[in-house]
Amino acid sequence: MTNLILFVNSFLSYFLCFLLIVALVVVACIIGVKWRKSKDAKAAQTAVSDETQQTTI
């Protein structure tokens, strides 16, 4: 019985570590997507402003 308790304790410890790593990966992916969308929006805005400046010249 003691070995079972030790095994479950170890299993839950590693499972909690795994869940923490998965949560960090999910948060990193969400932040990465937001930063990429922001960068693409800024690039599109500068492209439009550059295009309007060239047509007015």
N, C-alpha and C. Protein backbone atom coordinates (compact mmCIF):
# COMPACT_ATOMS: atom_id res chain seq x y z
N MET A 1 0.82 -1.20 0.00
CA MET A 1 0.00 0.00 0.00
C MET A 1 0.86 1.26 0.00
N THR A 2 1.97 1.20 0.69
CA THR A 2 2.86 2.37 0.74
C THR A 2 3.43 2.68 -0.64
N ASN A 3 3.76 1.64 -1.38
CA ASN A 3 4.30 1.86 -2.73
C ASN A 3 3.26 2.50 -3.63
N LEU A 4 2.01 2.12 -3.47
CA LEU A 4 0.94 2.72 -4.27
C LEU A 4 0.79 4.20 -3.95
N ILE A 5 0.83 4.53 -2.69
CA ILE A 5 0.71 5.93 -2.29
C ILE A 5 1.89 6.73 -2.83
N LEU A 6 3.09 6.19 -2.75
CA LEU A 6 4.26 6.87 -3.28
C LEU A 6 4.16 7.04 -4.80
N PHE A 7 3.65 6.01 -5.48
CA PHE A 7 3.49 6.10 -6.93
C PHE A 7 2.46 7.17 -7.29
N VAL A 8 1.34 7.19 -6.61
CA VAL A 8 0.30 8.19 -6.91
C VAL A 8 0.82 9.59 -6.61
N ASN A 9 1.55 9.74 -5.52
CA ASN A 9 2.12 11.04 -5.17
C ASN A 9 3.09 11.50 -6.27
N SER A 10 3.95 10.62 -6.71
CA SER A 10 4.89 10.96 -7.76
C SER A 10 4.18 11.26 -9.08
N PHE A 11 3.18 10.45 -9.40
CA PHE A 11 2.42 10.65 -10.63
C PHE A 11 1.72 12.01 -10.63
N LEU A 12 1.08 12.34 -9.52
CA LEU A 12 0.38 13.63 -9.44
C LEU A 12 1.36 14.80 -9.49
N SER A 13 2.52 14.62 -8.92
CA SER A 13 3.53 15.67 -8.96
C SER A 13 3.97 15.92 -10.41
N TYR A 14 4.28 14.86 -11.13
CA TYR A 14 4.68 15.03 -12.53
C TYR A 14 3.53 15.52 -13.40
N PHE A 15 2.31 15.09 -13.10
CA PHE A 15 1.16 15.54 -13.86
C PHE A 15 0.93 17.04 -13.64
N LEU A 16 1.11 17.51 -12.42
CA LEU A 16 0.98 18.93 -12.14
C LEU A 16 2.05 19.73 -12.87
N CYS A 17 3.26 19.21 -12.90
CA CYS A 17 4.34 19.86 -13.66
C CYS A 17 3.99 19.92 -15.15
N PHE A 18 3.46 18.84 -15.68
CA PHE A 18 3.06 18.78 -17.08
C PHE A 18 1.97 19.82 -17.37
N LEU A 19 0.99 19.91 -16.49
CA LEU A 19 -0.09 20.89 -16.69
C LEU A 19 0.44 22.32 -16.65
N LEU A 20 1.40 22.58 -15.78
CA LEU A 20 2.00 23.90 -15.70
C LEU A 20 2.72 24.24 -17.00
N ILE A 21 3.46 23.30 -17.54
CA ILE A 21 4.18 23.52 -18.80
C ILE A 21 3.20 23.74 -19.95
N VAL A 22 2.13 22.96 -19.99
CA VAL A 22 1.12 23.12 -21.04
C VAL A 22 0.47 24.50 -20.94
N ALA A 23 0.17 24.94 -19.72
CA ALA A 23 -0.44 26.26 -19.54
C ALA A 23 0.50 27.36 -20.02
N LEU A 24 1.79 27.22 -19.72
CA LEU A 24 2.76 28.21 -20.18
C LEU A 24 2.86 28.25 -21.71
N VAL A 25 2.80 27.09 -22.34
CA VAL A 25 2.85 27.02 -23.80
C VAL A 25 1.62 27.69 -24.41
N VAL A 26 0.46 27.44 -23.83
CA VAL A 26 -0.77 28.04 -24.34
C VAL A 26 -0.72 29.56 -24.21
N VAL A 27 -0.27 30.05 -23.06
CA VAL A 27 -0.16 31.50 -22.86
C VAL A 27 0.84 32.10 -23.84
N ALA A 28 1.97 31.42 -24.05
CA ALA A 28 2.97 31.92 -24.99
C ALA A 28 2.41 31.98 -26.41
N CYS A 29 1.64 30.98 -26.80
CA CYS A 29 1.04 30.98 -28.14
C CYS A 29 0.03 32.11 -28.29
N ILE A 30 -0.77 32.34 -27.28
CA ILE A 30 -1.76 33.42 -27.34
C ILE A 30 -1.05 34.77 -27.45
N ILE A 31 -0.01 34.98 -26.65
CA ILE A 31 0.74 36.23 -26.73
C ILE A 31 1.41 36.39 -28.09
N GLY A 32 1.96 35.31 -28.62
CA GLY A 32 2.60 35.36 -29.93
C GLY A 32 1.63 35.72 -31.04
N VAL A 33 0.44 35.17 -30.99
CA VAL A 33 -0.57 35.48 -32.00
C VAL A 33 -0.99 36.94 -31.91
N LYS A 34 -1.17 37.45 -30.69
CA LYS A 34 -1.55 38.86 -30.53
C LYS A 34 -0.45 39.78 -31.04
N TRP A 35 0.81 39.46 -30.74
CA TRP A 35 1.91 40.29 -31.22
C TRP A 35 2.01 40.25 -32.73
N ARG A 36 1.78 39.08 -33.32
CA ARG A 36 1.86 38.96 -34.78
C ARG A 36 0.75 39.75 -35.45
N LYS A 37 -0.46 39.67 -34.90
CA LYS A 37 -1.57 40.44 -35.47
C LYS A 37 -1.31 41.93 -35.36
N SER A 38 -0.74 42.35 -34.24
CA SER A 38 -0.41 43.76 -34.06
C SER A 38 0.64 44.21 -35.07
N LYS A 39 1.64 43.38 -35.27
CA LYS A 39 2.71 43.71 -36.22
C LYS A 39 2.15 43.77 -37.65
N ASP A 40 1.28 42.81 -38.00
CA ASP A 40 0.69 42.82 -39.33
C ASP A 40 -0.20 44.04 -39.54
N ALA A 41 -0.93 44.44 -38.50
CA ALA A 41 -1.79 45.62 -38.63
C ALA A 41 -0.96 46.87 -38.82
N LYS A 42 0.16 46.99 -38.08
CA LYS A 42 1.04 48.15 -38.25
C LYS A 42 1.67 48.15 -39.64
N ALA A 43 2.05 46.99 -40.13
CA ALA A 43 2.66 46.90 -41.46
C ALA A 43 1.64 47.28 -42.53
N ALA A 44 0.42 46.85 -42.37
CA ALA A 44 -0.61 47.19 -43.35
C ALA A 44 -0.92 48.68 -43.32
N GLN A 45 -0.91 49.25 -42.14
CA GLN A 45 -1.19 50.68 -42.02
C GLN A 45 -0.06 51.51 -42.64
N THR A 46 1.18 51.11 -42.43
CA THR A 46 2.28 51.86 -43.04
C THR A 46 2.31 51.65 -44.54
N ALA A 47 1.90 50.48 -45.00
CA ALA A 47 1.85 50.23 -46.44
C ALA A 47 0.80 51.13 -47.09
N VAL A 48 -0.33 51.27 -46.43
CA VAL A 48 -1.39 52.13 -46.97
C VAL A 48 -0.95 53.58 -46.95
N SER A 49 -0.30 54.01 -45.88
CA SER A 49 0.14 55.41 -45.81
C SER A 49 1.26 55.67 -46.83
N ASP A 50 2.15 54.71 -47.04
CA ASP A 50 3.19 54.87 -48.06
C ASP A 50 2.57 54.93 -49.45
N GLU A 51 1.54 54.14 -49.67
CA GLU A 51 0.89 54.10 -50.98
C GLU A 51 0.19 55.43 -51.25
N THR A 52 -0.46 55.99 -50.24
CA THR A 52 -1.16 57.27 -50.45
C THR A 52 -0.18 58.40 -50.65
N GLN A 53 0.98 58.33 -49.99
CA GLN A 53 1.99 59.36 -50.19
C GLN A 53 2.57 59.30 -51.60
N GLN A 54 2.73 58.11 -52.16
CA GLN A 54 3.28 57.98 -53.51
C GLN A 54 2.29 58.45 -54.54
N THR A 55 1.00 58.23 -54.30
CA THR A 55 0.02 58.67 -55.30
C THR A 55 -0.17 60.17 -55.29
N THR A 56 0.08 60.83 -54.14
CA THR A 56 -0.09 62.27 -54.08
C THR A 56 1.12 63.01 -54.64
N ILE A 57 2.25 62.33 -54.75
CA ILE A 57 3.47 63.00 -55.24
C ILE A 57 3.48 63.06 -56.73
